[in-house]
PDB file of N, CA and C in Angstrom:
ATOM      1  N   UNK A   1      56.956 125.484 -39.039  1.00  0.00           N
ATOM      2  CA  UNK A   1      57.316 124.228 -39.642  1.00  0.00           C
ATOM      3  C   UNK A   1      56.094 123.301 -39.624  1.00  0.00           C
ATOM      4  N   UNK A   2      55.849 122.570 -40.707  1.00  0.00           N
ATOM      5  CA  UNK A   2      54.698 121.662 -40.733  1.00  0.00           C
ATOM      6  C   UNK A   2      54.911 120.490 -39.776  1.00  0.00           C
ATOM      7  N   UNK A   3      53.829 119.820 -39.412  1.00  0.00           N
ATOM      8  CA  UNK A   3      53.971 118.655 -38.540  1.00  0.00           C
ATOM      9  C   UNK A   3      54.898 117.605 -39.150  1.00  0.00           C
ATOM     10  N   UNK A   4      55.714 117.005 -38.303  1.00  0.00           N
ATOM     11  CA  UNK A   4      56.628 115.939 -38.728  1.00  0.00           C
ATOM     12  C   UNK A   4      56.000 114.596 -38.363  1.00  0.00           C
ATOM     13  N   UNK A   5      56.446 113.509 -38.980  1.00  0.00           N
ATOM     14  CA  UNK A   5      55.899 112.203 -38.614  1.00  0.00           C
ATOM     15  C   UNK A   5      56.032 111.950 -37.109  1.00  0.00           C
ATOM     16  N   UNK A   6      54.994 111.365 -36.541  1.00  0.00           N
ATOM     17  CA  UNK A   6      54.957 111.135 -35.103  1.00  0.00           C
ATOM     18  C   UNK A   6      56.143 110.299 -34.652  1.00  0.00           C
ATOM     19  N   UNK A   7      56.753 110.732 -33.553  1.00  0.00           N
ATOM     20  CA  UNK A   7      57.856 110.008 -32.921  1.00  0.00           C
ATOM     21  C   UNK A   7      57.550 109.916 -31.430  1.00  0.00           C
ATOM     22  N   UNK A   8      57.426 108.705 -30.925  1.00  0.00           N
ATOM     23  CA  UNK A   8      57.068 108.502 -29.514  1.00  0.00           C
ATOM     24  C   UNK A   8      58.023 109.212 -28.568  1.00  0.00           C
ATOM     25  N   UNK A   9      59.329 109.100 -28.824  1.00  0.00           N
ATOM     26  CA  UNK A   9      60.314 109.729 -27.946  1.00  0.00           C
ATOM     27  C   UNK A   9      60.188 111.250 -27.987  1.00  0.00           C
ATOM     28  N   UNK A  10      60.022 111.815 -29.165  1.00  0.00           N
ATOM     29  CA  UNK A  10      59.863 113.265 -29.288  1.00  0.00           C
ATOM     30  C   UNK A  10      58.614 113.755 -28.579  1.00  0.00           C
ATOM     31  N   UNK A  11      57.530 112.992 -28.699  1.00  0.00           N
ATOM     32  CA  UNK A  11      56.283 113.346 -28.034  1.00  0.00           C
ATOM     33  C   UNK A  11      56.460 113.287 -26.519  1.00  0.00           C
ATOM     34  N   UNK A  12      57.076 112.221 -26.017  1.00  0.00           N
ATOM     35  CA  UNK A  12      57.301 112.074 -24.574  1.00  0.00           C
ATOM     36  C   UNK A  12      58.197 113.185 -24.040  1.00  0.00           C
ATOM     37  N   UNK A  13      59.222 113.535 -24.792  1.00  0.00           N
ATOM     38  CA  UNK A  13      60.134 114.611 -24.382  1.00  0.00           C
ATOM     39  C   UNK A  13      59.399 115.942 -24.321  1.00  0.00           C
ATOM     40  N   UNK A  14      58.580 116.218 -25.327  1.00  0.00           N
ATOM     41  CA  UNK A  14      57.815 117.470 -25.354  1.00  0.00           C
ATOM     42  C   UNK A  14      56.819 117.518 -24.199  1.00  0.00           C
ATOM     43  N   UNK A  15      56.193 116.393 -23.898  1.00  0.00           N
ATOM     44  CA  UNK A  15      55.259 116.358 -22.771  1.00  0.00           C
ATOM     45  C   UNK A  15      55.994 116.607 -21.455  1.00  0.00           C
ATOM     46  N   UNK A  16      57.129 115.960 -21.265  1.00  0.00           N
ATOM     47  CA  UNK A  16      57.898 116.113 -20.028  1.00  0.00           C
ATOM     48  C   UNK A  16      58.383 117.544 -19.845  1.00  0.00           C
ATOM     49  N   UNK A  17      58.642 118.237 -20.945  1.00  0.00           N
ATOM     50  CA  UNK A  17      59.107 119.627 -20.895  1.00  0.00           C
ATOM     51  C   UNK A  17      57.943 120.616 -20.843  1.00  0.00           C
ATOM     52  N   UNK A  18      56.715 120.100 -20.735  1.00  0.00           N
ATOM     53  CA  UNK A  18      55.513 120.929 -20.664  1.00  0.00           C
ATOM     54  C   UNK A  18      55.375 121.857 -21.880  1.00  0.00           C
ATOM     55  N   UNK A  19      55.782 121.353 -23.037  1.00  0.00           N
ATOM     56  CA  UNK A  19      55.682 122.151 -24.258  1.00  0.00           C
ATOM     57  C   UNK A  19      54.274 122.093 -24.832  1.00  0.00           C
ATOM     58  N   UNK A  20      54.003 123.014 -25.735  1.00  0.00           N
ATOM     59  CA  UNK A  20      52.756 123.004 -26.487  1.00  0.00           C
ATOM     60  C   UNK A  20      52.932 122.023 -27.640  1.00  0.00           C
ATOM     61  N   UNK A  21      51.962 121.142 -27.806  1.00  0.00           N
ATOM     62  CA  UNK A  21      52.077 120.072 -28.796  1.00  0.00           C
ATOM     63  C   UNK A  21      50.827 120.052 -29.668  1.00  0.00           C
ATOM     64  N   UNK A  22      51.051 119.900 -30.954  1.00  0.00           N
ATOM     65  CA  UNK A  22      49.968 119.759 -31.920  1.00  0.00           C
ATOM     66  C   UNK A  22      50.085 118.377 -32.551  1.00  0.00           C
ATOM     67  N   UNK A  23      48.980 117.640 -32.560  1.00  0.00           N
ATOM     68  CA  UNK A  23      48.924 116.346 -33.232  1.00  0.00           C
ATOM     69  C   UNK A  23      47.883 116.460 -34.333  1.00  0.00           C
ATOM     70  N   UNK A  24      48.277 116.125 -35.558  1.00  0.00           N
ATOM     71  CA  UNK A  24      47.305 116.020 -36.642  1.00  0.00           C
ATOM     72  C   UNK A  24      47.179 114.546 -36.994  1.00  0.00           C
ATOM     73  N   UNK A  25      45.970 114.136 -37.309  1.00  0.00           N
ATOM     74  CA  UNK A  25      45.728 112.777 -37.784  1.00  0.00           C
ATOM     75  C   UNK A  25      45.203 112.932 -39.203  1.00  0.00           C
ATOM     76  N   UNK A  26      46.010 112.519 -40.166  1.00  0.00           N
ATOM     77  CA  UNK A  26      45.650 112.803 -41.551  1.00  0.00           C
ATOM     78  C   UNK A  26      45.940 111.630 -42.471  1.00  0.00           C
ATOM     79  N   UNK A  27      45.422 111.754 -43.678  1.00  0.00           N
ATOM     80  CA  UNK A  27      45.662 110.778 -44.739  1.00  0.00           C
ATOM     81  C   UNK A  27      45.956 111.547 -46.020  1.00  0.00           C
ATOM     82  N   UNK A  28      46.793 110.972 -46.868  1.00  0.00           N
ATOM     83  CA  UNK A  28      47.157 111.628 -48.125  1.00  0.00           C
ATOM     84  C   UNK A  28      45.938 111.907 -48.992  1.00  0.00           C
ATOM     85  N   UNK A  29      44.952 111.035 -48.964  1.00  0.00           N
ATOM     86  CA  UNK A  29      43.777 111.143 -49.821  1.00  0.00           C
ATOM     87  C   UNK A  29      42.676 112.020 -49.223  1.00  0.00           C
ATOM     88  N   UNK A  30      42.872 112.501 -48.018  1.00  0.00           N
ATOM     89  CA  UNK A  30      41.846 113.246 -47.278  1.00  0.00           C
ATOM     90  C   UNK A  30      41.764 114.699 -47.749  1.00  0.00           C
ATOM     91  N   UNK A  31      40.603 115.099 -48.246  1.00  0.00           N
ATOM     92  CA  UNK A  31      40.393 116.460 -48.741  1.00  0.00           C
ATOM     93  C   UNK A  31      40.475 117.471 -47.597  1.00  0.00           C
ATOM     94  N   UNK A  32      39.886 117.143 -46.456  1.00  0.00           N
ATOM     95  CA  UNK A  32      39.940 118.028 -45.289  1.00  0.00           C
ATOM     96  C   UNK A  32      41.390 118.231 -44.856  1.00  0.00           C
ATOM     97  N   UNK A  33      42.146 117.148 -44.811  1.00  0.00           N
ATOM     98  CA  UNK A  33      43.558 117.223 -44.408  1.00  0.00           C
ATOM     99  C   UNK A  33      44.352 118.104 -45.371  1.00  0.00           C
ATOM    100  N   UNK A  34      44.066 117.981 -46.652  1.00  0.00           N
ATOM    101  CA  UNK A  34      44.753 118.801 -47.656  1.00  0.00           C
ATOM    102  C   UNK A  34      44.451 120.278 -47.448  1.00  0.00           C
ATOM    103  N   UNK A  35      43.251 120.598 -46.993  1.00  0.00           N
ATOM    104  CA  UNK A  35      42.896 121.992 -46.702  1.00  0.00           C
ATOM    105  C   UNK A  35      43.568 122.466 -45.416  1.00  0.00           C
ATOM    106  N   UNK A  36      43.732 121.580 -44.441  1.00  0.00           N
ATOM    107  CA  UNK A  36      44.341 121.942 -43.161  1.00  0.00           C
ATOM    108  C   UNK A  36      45.843 122.181 -43.273  1.00  0.00           C
ATOM    109  N   UNK A  37      46.529 121.397 -44.107  1.00  0.00           N
ATOM    110  CA  UNK A  37      48.003 121.439 -44.168  1.00  0.00           C
ATOM    111  C   UNK A  37      48.576 122.832 -44.379  1.00  0.00           C
ATOM    112  N   UNK A  38      48.165 123.573 -45.417  1.00  0.00           N
ATOM    113  CA  UNK A  38      48.779 124.893 -45.610  1.00  0.00           C
ATOM    114  C   UNK A  38      48.442 125.874 -44.494  1.00  0.00           C
ATOM    115  N   UNK A  39      47.259 125.749 -43.913  1.00  0.00           N
ATOM    116  CA  UNK A  39      46.876 126.627 -42.803  1.00  0.00           C
ATOM    117  C   UNK A  39      47.781 126.357 -41.609  1.00  0.00           C
ATOM    118  N   UNK A  40      47.941 125.095 -41.256  1.00  0.00           N
ATOM    119  CA  UNK A  40      48.791 124.739 -40.117  1.00  0.00           C
ATOM    120  C   UNK A  40      50.242 125.110 -40.366  1.00  0.00           C
ATOM    121  N   UNK A  41      50.732 124.855 -41.565  1.00  0.00           N
ATOM    122  CA  UNK A  41      52.119 125.204 -41.893  1.00  0.00           C
ATOM    123  C   UNK A  41      52.342 126.698 -41.724  1.00  0.00           C
ATOM    124  N   UNK A  42      51.415 127.497 -42.206  1.00  0.00           N
ATOM    125  CA  UNK A  42      51.529 128.955 -42.086  1.00  0.00           C
ATOM    126  C   UNK A  42      51.442 129.391 -40.619  1.00  0.00           C
ATOM    127  N   UNK A  43      50.461 128.889 -39.893  1.00  0.00           N
ATOM    128  CA  UNK A  43      50.285 129.303 -38.497  1.00  0.00           C
ATOM    129  C   UNK A  43      51.480 128.919 -37.633  1.00  0.00           C
ATOM    130  N   UNK A  44      52.038 127.738 -37.867  1.00  0.00           N
ATOM    131  CA  UNK A  44      53.149 127.263 -37.042  1.00  0.00           C
ATOM    132  C   UNK A  44      54.443 128.025 -37.290  1.00  0.00           C
ATOM    133  N   UNK A  45      54.472 128.867 -38.311  1.00  0.00           N
ATOM    134  CA  UNK A  45      55.652 129.707 -38.556  1.00  0.00           C
ATOM    135  C   UNK A  45      55.464 131.115 -38.006  1.00  0.00           C
ATOM    136  N   UNK A  46      54.283 131.414 -37.484  1.00  0.00           N
ATOM    137  CA  UNK A  46      54.057 132.740 -36.916  1.00  0.00           C
ATOM    138  C   UNK A  46      54.661 132.812 -35.517  1.00  0.00           C
ATOM    139  N   UNK A  47      54.986 134.008 -35.100  1.00  0.00           N
ATOM    140  CA  UNK A  47      55.590 134.199 -33.777  1.00  0.00           C
ATOM    141  C   UNK A  47      54.702 133.632 -32.671  1.00  0.00           C
ATOM    142  N   UNK A  48      53.412 133.775 -32.835  1.00  0.00           N
ATOM    143  CA  UNK A  48      52.478 133.349 -31.801  1.00  0.00           C
ATOM    144  C   UNK A  48      52.479 131.830 -31.565  1.00  0.00           C
ATOM    145  N   UNK A  49      52.655 131.069 -32.630  1.00  0.00           N
ATOM    146  CA  UNK A  49      52.527 129.614 -32.526  1.00  0.00           C
ATOM    147  C   UNK A  49      53.806 128.852 -32.862  1.00  0.00           C
ATOM    148  N   UNK A  50      54.914 129.548 -33.058  1.00  0.00           N
ATOM    149  CA  UNK A  50      56.139 128.884 -33.512  1.00  0.00           C
ATOM    150  C   UNK A  50      56.760 127.937 -32.486  1.00  0.00           C
ATOM    151  N   UNK A  51      56.369 128.050 -31.217  1.00  0.00           N
ATOM    152  CA  UNK A  51      56.963 127.161 -30.214  1.00  0.00           C
ATOM    153  C   UNK A  51      56.215 125.832 -30.069  1.00  0.00           C
ATOM    154  N   UNK A  52      55.182 125.610 -30.874  1.00  0.00           N
ATOM    155  CA  UNK A  52      54.492 124.326 -30.855  1.00  0.00           C
ATOM    156  C   UNK A  52      55.392 123.244 -31.437  1.00  0.00           C
ATOM    157  N   UNK A  53      55.360 122.075 -30.823  1.00  0.00           N
ATOM    158  CA  UNK A  53      55.986 120.887 -31.388  1.00  0.00           C
ATOM    159  C   UNK A  53      54.853 120.162 -32.112  1.00  0.00           C
ATOM    160  N   UNK A  54      55.016 119.940 -33.408  1.00  0.00           N
ATOM    161  CA  UNK A  54      53.909 119.414 -34.215  1.00  0.00           C
ATOM    162  C   UNK A  54      54.251 118.055 -34.814  1.00  0.00           C
ATOM    163  N   UNK A  55      53.338 117.111 -34.611  1.00  0.00           N
ATOM    164  CA  UNK A  55      53.494 115.755 -35.126  1.00  0.00           C
ATOM    165  C   UNK A  55      52.285 115.374 -35.962  1.00  0.00           C
ATOM    166  N   UNK A  56      52.523 114.542 -36.961  1.00  0.00           N
ATOM    167  CA  UNK A  56      51.434 114.000 -37.766  1.00  0.00           C
ATOM    168  C   UNK A  56      51.348 112.491 -37.562  1.00  0.00           C
ATOM    169  N   UNK A  57      50.131 112.019 -37.388  1.00  0.00           N
ATOM    170  CA  UNK A  57      49.839 110.591 -37.321  1.00  0.00           C
ATOM    171  C   UNK A  57      49.154 110.218 -38.633  1.00  0.00           C
ATOM    172  N   UNK A  58      49.667 109.201 -39.306  1.00  0.00           N
ATOM    173  CA  UNK A  58      49.090 108.765 -40.576  1.00  0.00           C
ATOM    174  C   UNK A  58      47.898 107.841 -40.321  1.00  0.00           C
ATOM    175  N   UNK A  59      46.734 108.275 -40.768  1.00  0.00           N
ATOM    176  CA  UNK A  59      45.485 107.551 -40.558  1.00  0.00           C
ATOM    177  C   UNK A  59      45.552 106.118 -41.088  1.00  0.00           C
ATOM    178  N   UNK A  60      46.208 105.936 -42.218  1.00  0.00           N
ATOM    179  CA  UNK A  60      46.213 104.636 -42.883  1.00  0.00           C
ATOM    180  C   UNK A  60      47.247 103.661 -42.333  1.00  0.00           C
ATOM    181  N   UNK A  61      48.379 104.156 -41.863  1.00  0.00           N
ATOM    182  CA  UNK A  61      49.475 103.257 -41.481  1.00  0.00           C
ATOM    183  C   UNK A  61      49.779 103.228 -39.985  1.00  0.00           C
ATOM    184  N   UNK A  62      49.176 104.112 -39.209  1.00  0.00           N
ATOM    185  CA  UNK A  62      49.478 104.176 -37.776  1.00  0.00           C
ATOM    186  C   UNK A  62      48.206 104.031 -36.935  1.00  0.00           C
ATOM    187  N   UNK A  63      47.482 102.945 -37.172  1.00  0.00           N
ATOM    188  CA  UNK A  63      46.196 102.730 -36.498  1.00  0.00           C
ATOM    189  C   UNK A  63      46.330 102.681 -34.975  1.00  0.00           C
ATOM    190  N   UNK A  64      47.458 102.194 -34.464  1.00  0.00           N
ATOM    191  CA  UNK A  64      47.659 102.171 -33.014  1.00  0.00           C
ATOM    192  C   UNK A  64      47.663 103.591 -32.455  1.00  0.00           C
ATOM    193  N   UNK A  65      48.277 104.524 -33.186  1.00  0.00           N
ATOM    194  CA  UNK A  65      48.307 105.920 -32.739  1.00  0.00           C
ATOM    195  C   UNK A  65      46.963 106.605 -32.954  1.00  0.00           C
ATOM    196  N   UNK A  66      46.269 106.231 -34.016  1.00  0.00           N
ATOM    197  CA  UNK A  66      44.915 106.762 -34.239  1.00  0.00           C
ATOM    198  C   UNK A  66      44.058 106.428 -33.022  1.00  0.00           C
ATOM    199  N   UNK A  67      44.155 105.186 -32.554  1.00  0.00           N
ATOM    200  CA  UNK A  67      43.401 104.777 -31.357  1.00  0.00           C
ATOM    201  C   UNK A  67      43.922 105.483 -30.105  1.00  0.00           C
ATOM    202  N   UNK A  68      45.230 105.591 -29.978  1.00  0.00           N
ATOM    203  CA  UNK A  68      45.827 106.244 -28.798  1.00  0.00           C
ATOM    204  C   UNK A  68      45.304 107.663 -28.627  1.00  0.00           C
ATOM    205  N   UNK A  69      45.172 108.372 -29.753  1.00  0.00           N
ATOM    206  CA  UNK A  69      44.694 109.753 -29.691  1.00  0.00           C
ATOM    207  C   UNK A  69      43.187 109.851 -29.892  1.00  0.00           C
ATOM    208  N   UNK A  70      42.516 108.700 -29.901  1.00  0.00           N
ATOM    209  CA  UNK A  70      41.062 108.637 -29.975  1.00  0.00           C
ATOM    210  C   UNK A  70      40.512 109.445 -31.149  1.00  0.00           C
ATOM    211  N   UNK A  71      41.164 109.336 -32.293  1.00  0.00           N
ATOM    212  CA  UNK A  71      40.705 110.037 -33.494  1.00  0.00           C
ATOM    213  C   UNK A  71      39.644 109.185 -34.180  1.00  0.00           C
ATOM    214  N   UNK A  72      38.471 109.744 -34.348  1.00  0.00           N
ATOM    215  CA  UNK A  72      37.371 109.024 -34.980  1.00  0.00           C
ATOM    216  C   UNK A  72      37.381 109.169 -36.497  1.00  0.00           C
ATOM    217  N   UNK A  73      38.009 110.246 -36.980  1.00  0.00           N
ATOM    218  CA  UNK A  73      38.081 110.520 -38.422  1.00  0.00           C
ATOM    219  C   UNK A  73      39.426 111.157 -38.740  1.00  0.00           C
ATOM    220  N   UNK A  74      39.832 111.040 -39.996  1.00  0.00           N
ATOM    221  CA  UNK A  74      41.010 111.773 -40.439  1.00  0.00           C
ATOM    222  C   UNK A  74      40.644 113.257 -40.448  1.00  0.00           C
ATOM    223  N   UNK A  75      41.648 114.115 -40.337  1.00  0.00           N
ATOM    224  CA  UNK A  75      41.371 115.544 -40.207  1.00  0.00           C
ATOM    225  C   UNK A  75      41.184 115.962 -38.756  1.00  0.00           C
ATOM    226  N   UNK A  76      41.555 115.079 -37.828  1.00  0.00           N
ATOM    227  CA  UNK A  76      41.485 115.395 -36.400  1.00  0.00           C
ATOM    228  C   UNK A  76      42.743 116.156 -35.997  1.00  0.00           C
ATOM    229  N   UNK A  77      42.559 117.193 -35.197  1.00  0.00           N
ATOM    230  CA  UNK A  77      43.667 117.979 -34.649  1.00  0.00           C
ATOM    231  C   UNK A  77      43.512 117.969 -33.132  1.00  0.00           C
ATOM    232  N   UNK A  78      44.596 117.624 -32.434  1.00  0.00           N
ATOM    233  CA  UNK A  78      44.584 117.580 -30.971  1.00  0.00           C
ATOM    234  C   UNK A  78      45.710 118.473 -30.464  1.00  0.00           C
ATOM    235  N   UNK A  79      45.405 119.294 -29.460  1.00  0.00           N
ATOM    236  CA  UNK A  79      46.383 120.218 -28.891  1.00  0.00           C
ATOM    237  C   UNK A  79      46.622 119.848 -27.428  1.00  0.00           C
ATOM    238  N   UNK A  80      47.895 119.745 -27.073  1.00  0.00           N
ATOM    239  CA  UNK A  80      48.310 119.445 -25.700  1.00  0.00           C
ATOM    240  C   UNK A  80      49.147 120.591 -25.149  1.00  0.00           C
ATOM    241  N   UNK A  81      49.115 120.741 -23.835  1.00  0.00           N
ATOM    242  CA  UNK A  81      50.084 121.552 -23.090  1.00  0.00           C
ATOM    243  C   UNK A  81      50.721 120.557 -22.141  1.00  0.00           C
ATOM    244  N   UNK A  82      51.937 120.137 -22.471  1.00  0.00           N
ATOM    245  CA  UNK A  82      52.560 119.060 -21.715  1.00  0.00           C
ATOM    246  C   UNK A  82      51.764 117.787 -21.890  1.00  0.00           C
ATOM    247  N   UNK A  83      51.424 117.141 -20.802  1.00  0.00           N
ATOM    248  CA  UNK A  83      50.673 115.886 -20.894  1.00  0.00           C
ATOM    249  C   UNK A  83      49.162 116.088 -20.881  1.00  0.00           C
ATOM    250  N   UNK A  84      48.729 117.321 -20.780  1.00  0.00           N
ATOM    251  CA  UNK A  84      47.298 117.608 -20.676  1.00  0.00           C
ATOM    252  C   UNK A  84      46.701 117.973 -22.032  1.00  0.00           C
ATOM    253  N   UNK A  85      45.688 117.222 -22.450  1.00  0.00           N
ATOM    254  CA  UNK A  85      44.976 117.582 -23.673  1.00  0.00           C
ATOM    255  C   UNK A  85      44.153 118.833 -23.403  1.00  0.00           C
ATOM    256  N   UNK A  86      44.338 119.846 -24.240  1.00  0.00           N
ATOM    257  CA  UNK A  86      43.660 121.124 -24.050  1.00  0.00           C
ATOM    258  C   UNK A  86      42.436 121.277 -24.950  1.00  0.00           C
ATOM    259  N   UNK A  87      42.521 120.758 -26.176  1.00  0.00           N
ATOM    260  CA  UNK A  87      41.418 120.929 -27.119  1.00  0.00           C
ATOM    261  C   UNK A  87      41.594 119.969 -28.281  1.00  0.00           C
ATOM    262  N   UNK A  88      40.489 119.745 -28.989  1.00  0.00           N
ATOM    263  CA  UNK A  88      40.540 118.924 -30.199  1.00  0.00           C
ATOM    264  C   UNK A  88      39.402 119.322 -31.124  1.00  0.00           C
ATOM    265  N   UNK A  89      39.598 119.015 -32.380  1.00  0.00           N
ATOM    266  CA  UNK A  89      38.553 119.229 -33.370  1.00  0.00           C
ATOM    267  C   UNK A  89      38.720 118.185 -34.456  1.00  0.00           C
ATOM    268  N   UNK A  90      37.676 117.973 -35.196  1.00  0.00           N
ATOM    269  CA  UNK A  90      37.741 117.065 -36.346  1.00  0.00           C
ATOM    270  C   UNK A  90      37.093 117.774 -37.524  1.00  0.00           C
ATOM    271  N   UNK A  91      37.840 117.888 -38.594  1.00  0.00           N
ATOM    272  CA  UNK A  91      37.287 118.450 -39.818  1.00  0.00           C
ATOM    273  C   UNK A  91      37.349 119.953 -39.961  1.00  0.00           C
ATOM    274  N   UNK A  92      38.016 120.653 -39.059  1.00  0.00           N
ATOM    275  CA  UNK A  92      38.091 122.117 -39.151  1.00  0.00           C
ATOM    276  C   UNK A  92      38.979 122.519 -40.326  1.00  0.00           C
ATOM    277  N   UNK A  93      38.452 123.372 -41.189  1.00  0.00           N
ATOM    278  CA  UNK A  93      39.236 123.875 -42.320  1.00  0.00           C
ATOM    279  C   UNK A  93      39.248 125.399 -42.380  1.00  0.00           C
ATOM    280  N   UNK A  94      38.522 126.042 -41.484  1.00  0.00           N
ATOM    281  CA  UNK A  94      38.556 127.510 -41.432  1.00  0.00           C
ATOM    282  C   UNK A  94      39.707 127.938 -40.531  1.00  0.00           C
ATOM    283  N   UNK A  95      40.522 128.853 -41.028  1.00  0.00           N
ATOM    284  CA  UNK A  95      41.706 129.273 -40.283  1.00  0.00           C
ATOM    285  C   UNK A  95      41.358 129.778 -38.893  1.00  0.00           C
ATOM    286  N   UNK A  96      40.293 130.552 -38.764  1.00  0.00           N
ATOM    287  CA  UNK A  96      39.940 131.111 -37.460  1.00  0.00           C
ATOM    288  C   UNK A  96      39.640 130.010 -36.441  1.00  0.00           C
ATOM    289  N   UNK A  97      38.987 128.948 -36.862  1.00  0.00           N
ATOM    290  CA  UNK A  97      38.707 127.833 -35.949  1.00  0.00           C
ATOM    291  C   UNK A  97      39.995 127.146 -35.504  1.00  0.00           C
ATOM    292  N   UNK A  98      40.941 127.004 -36.422  1.00  0.00           N
ATOM    293  CA  UNK A  98      42.217 126.372 -36.083  1.00  0.00           C
ATOM    294  C   UNK A  98      43.024 127.273 -35.156  1.00  0.00           C
ATOM    295  N   UNK A  99      42.990 128.575 -35.387  1.00  0.00           N
ATOM    296  CA  UNK A  99      43.659 129.532 -34.491  1.00  0.00           C
ATOM    297  C   UNK A  99      43.084 129.401 -33.082  1.00  0.00           C
ATOM    298  N   UNK A 100      41.770 129.378 -32.977  1.00  0.00           N
ATOM    299  CA  UNK A 100      41.128 129.264 -31.663  1.00  0.00           C
ATOM    300  C   UNK A 100      41.518 127.962 -30.971  1.00  0.00           C
ATOM    301  N   UNK A 101      41.649 126.899 -31.729  1.00  0.00           N
ATOM    302  CA  UNK A 101      42.075 125.622 -31.164  1.00  0.00           C
ATOM    303  C   UNK A 101      43.487 125.732 -30.597  1.00  0.00           C
ATOM    304  N   UNK A 102      44.409 126.294 -31.371  1.00  0.00           N
ATOM    305  CA  UNK A 102      45.792 126.444 -30.914  1.00  0.00           C
ATOM    306  C   UNK A 102      45.888 127.346 -29.688  1.00  0.00           C
ATOM    307  N   UNK A 103      45.037 128.349 -29.620  1.00  0.00           N
ATOM    308  CA  UNK A 103      45.074 129.297 -28.494  1.00  0.00           C
ATOM    309  C   UNK A 103      44.787 128.623 -27.156  1.00  0.00           C
ATOM    310  N   UNK A 104      44.110 127.490 -27.161  1.00  0.00           N
ATOM    311  CA  UNK A 104      43.823 126.784 -25.910  1.00  0.00           C
ATOM    312  C   UNK A 104      45.093 126.375 -25.185  1.00  0.00           C
ATOM    313  N   UNK A 105      46.188 126.207 -25.919  1.00  0.00           N
ATOM    314  CA  UNK A 105      47.444 125.771 -25.286  1.00  0.00           C
ATOM    315  C   UNK A 105      48.347 126.938 -24.912  1.00  0.00           C
ATOM    316  N   UNK A 106      47.953 128.150 -25.237  1.00  0.00           N
ATOM    317  CA  UNK A 106      48.809 129.311 -24.920  1.00  0.00           C
ATOM    318  C   UNK A 106      48.703 129.692 -23.457  1.00  0.00           C
TER     319      UNK A 106
END
């Protein structure tokens, strides 16, 4: 399933349950984000990554969350295992790089 709009309660619940969490910071006009979306949607439906809880932060309308997740640019992907940040990248559009990022939380 593709990332859903960020929800503070859902994020807190996933952290408390020590779940694997994916945060994307994107914008509708972002070319990098447009390249990332189908890759992430496909990967999150695979058996290996289907248990990730995935949220999207809108670069243009959720500046407080952009700052909270310390995203310097749109196209940022952050992976958590519970409350612990495991890995992050900005601008990755190659599937193998995104797979390697997600693997940090496995």
